[in-house]
Amino acid sequence: MLVLAEATRADANVPRMPDEPPVTLEMVAWPDRDYYEGGFGPEPDLYEQGTCRTCGVDVTSTAKRAFCPTCGEVCELT
């Protein structure tokens, strides 16, 4: 599996919430091409973002309906 991700390390001097991880990941989610009849979404030049409801990873895609690269669940993005 090939996954494009962006990782951001939190500044140690900036206060964080107790459950906030020290590294933030945002991954590129593959569009549900069956839903879009083989395409990459209705407007592939625009990017949709959201969080996977199942595993909580932040994802970006070219479509509002895409597969989470971490757990494989369908994400509804905005």
Protein backbone atom coordinates (compact mmCIF):
# COMPACT_ATOMS: atom_id res chain seq x y z
CA MET A 1 0.00 0.00 0.00
CA LEU A 2 1.28 3.46 -0.90
CA VAL A 3 0.16 6.32 1.37
CA LEU A 4 1.01 9.99 1.15
CA ALA A 5 1.05 11.58 4.60
CA GLU A 6 2.07 14.79 6.28
CA ALA A 7 3.40 14.59 9.83
CA THR A 8 3.67 17.62 12.07
CA ARG A 9 5.53 17.49 15.37
CA ALA A 10 4.07 19.65 18.12
CA ASP A 11 6.31 22.33 19.60
CA ALA A 12 7.38 21.15 23.07
CA ASN A 13 7.03 24.71 24.38
CA VAL A 14 3.37 25.05 23.34
CA PRO A 15 0.84 23.69 25.86
CA ARG A 16 -1.28 20.76 24.61
CA MET A 17 -4.36 18.99 25.86
CA PRO A 18 -3.54 15.82 27.90
CA ASP A 19 -4.89 13.50 25.16
CA GLU A 20 -3.35 15.45 22.25
CA PRO A 21 -0.64 13.42 20.48
CA PRO A 22 2.85 14.91 19.99
CA VAL A 23 2.64 14.20 16.25
CA THR A 24 -0.29 15.04 13.97
CA LEU A 25 -0.80 12.95 10.83
CA GLU A 26 -2.85 13.88 7.77
CA MET A 27 -3.15 11.26 5.03
CA VAL A 28 -4.39 11.23 1.46
CA ALA A 29 -7.50 9.06 1.11
CA TRP A 30 -8.22 7.22 -2.14
CA PRO A 31 -11.63 8.22 -3.60
CA ASP A 32 -14.40 5.60 -3.68
CA ARG A 33 -14.09 5.18 -7.44
CA ASP A 34 -17.01 2.74 -7.64
CA TYR A 35 -19.26 5.44 -6.15
CA TYR A 36 -17.93 7.98 -8.68
CA GLU A 37 -18.21 5.57 -11.65
CA GLY A 38 -14.44 5.19 -12.01
CA GLY A 39 -13.59 8.86 -11.48
CA PHE A 40 -11.81 10.80 -8.78
CA GLY A 41 -14.89 12.77 -7.70
CA PRO A 42 -17.09 15.41 -9.33
CA GLU A 43 -14.47 18.19 -9.00
CA PRO A 44 -11.04 16.50 -8.65
CA ASP A 45 -9.26 19.89 -8.64
CA LEU A 46 -10.81 20.64 -5.23
CA TYR A 47 -9.69 18.93 -2.05
CA GLU A 48 -11.99 17.61 0.64
CA GLN A 49 -10.86 17.14 4.25
CA GLY A 50 -12.14 15.42 7.34
CA THR A 51 -11.49 12.88 10.05
CA CYS A 52 -12.11 9.14 9.81
CA ARG A 53 -14.90 8.25 12.24
CA THR A 54 -13.42 4.82 12.85
CA CYS A 55 -9.73 5.46 13.58
CA GLY A 56 -9.60 9.26 14.01
CA VAL A 57 -6.87 10.02 11.45
CA ASP A 58 -7.18 13.28 9.47
CA VAL A 59 -7.60 12.67 5.73
CA THR A 60 -7.63 14.68 2.50
CA SER A 61 -9.03 13.51 -0.84
CA THR A 62 -10.23 14.71 -4.23
CA ALA A 63 -13.73 13.46 -3.37
CA LYS A 64 -16.23 13.76 -0.54
CA ARG A 65 -16.44 9.95 -0.30
CA ALA A 66 -13.05 8.25 0.11
CA PHE A 67 -11.39 5.28 1.81
CA CYS A 68 -9.30 5.87 4.92
CA PRO A 69 -5.71 4.72 4.20
CA THR A 70 -5.29 3.57 7.81
CA CYS A 71 -8.35 1.39 8.43
CA GLY A 72 -10.05 1.15 5.02
CA GLU A 73 -13.41 2.55 6.13
CA VAL A 74 -15.35 4.97 3.93
CA CYS A 75 -14.94 8.60 5.05
CA GLU A 76 -17.48 11.34 4.34
CA LEU A 77 -15.39 14.49 3.84
CA THR A 78 -16.33 18.16 3.55
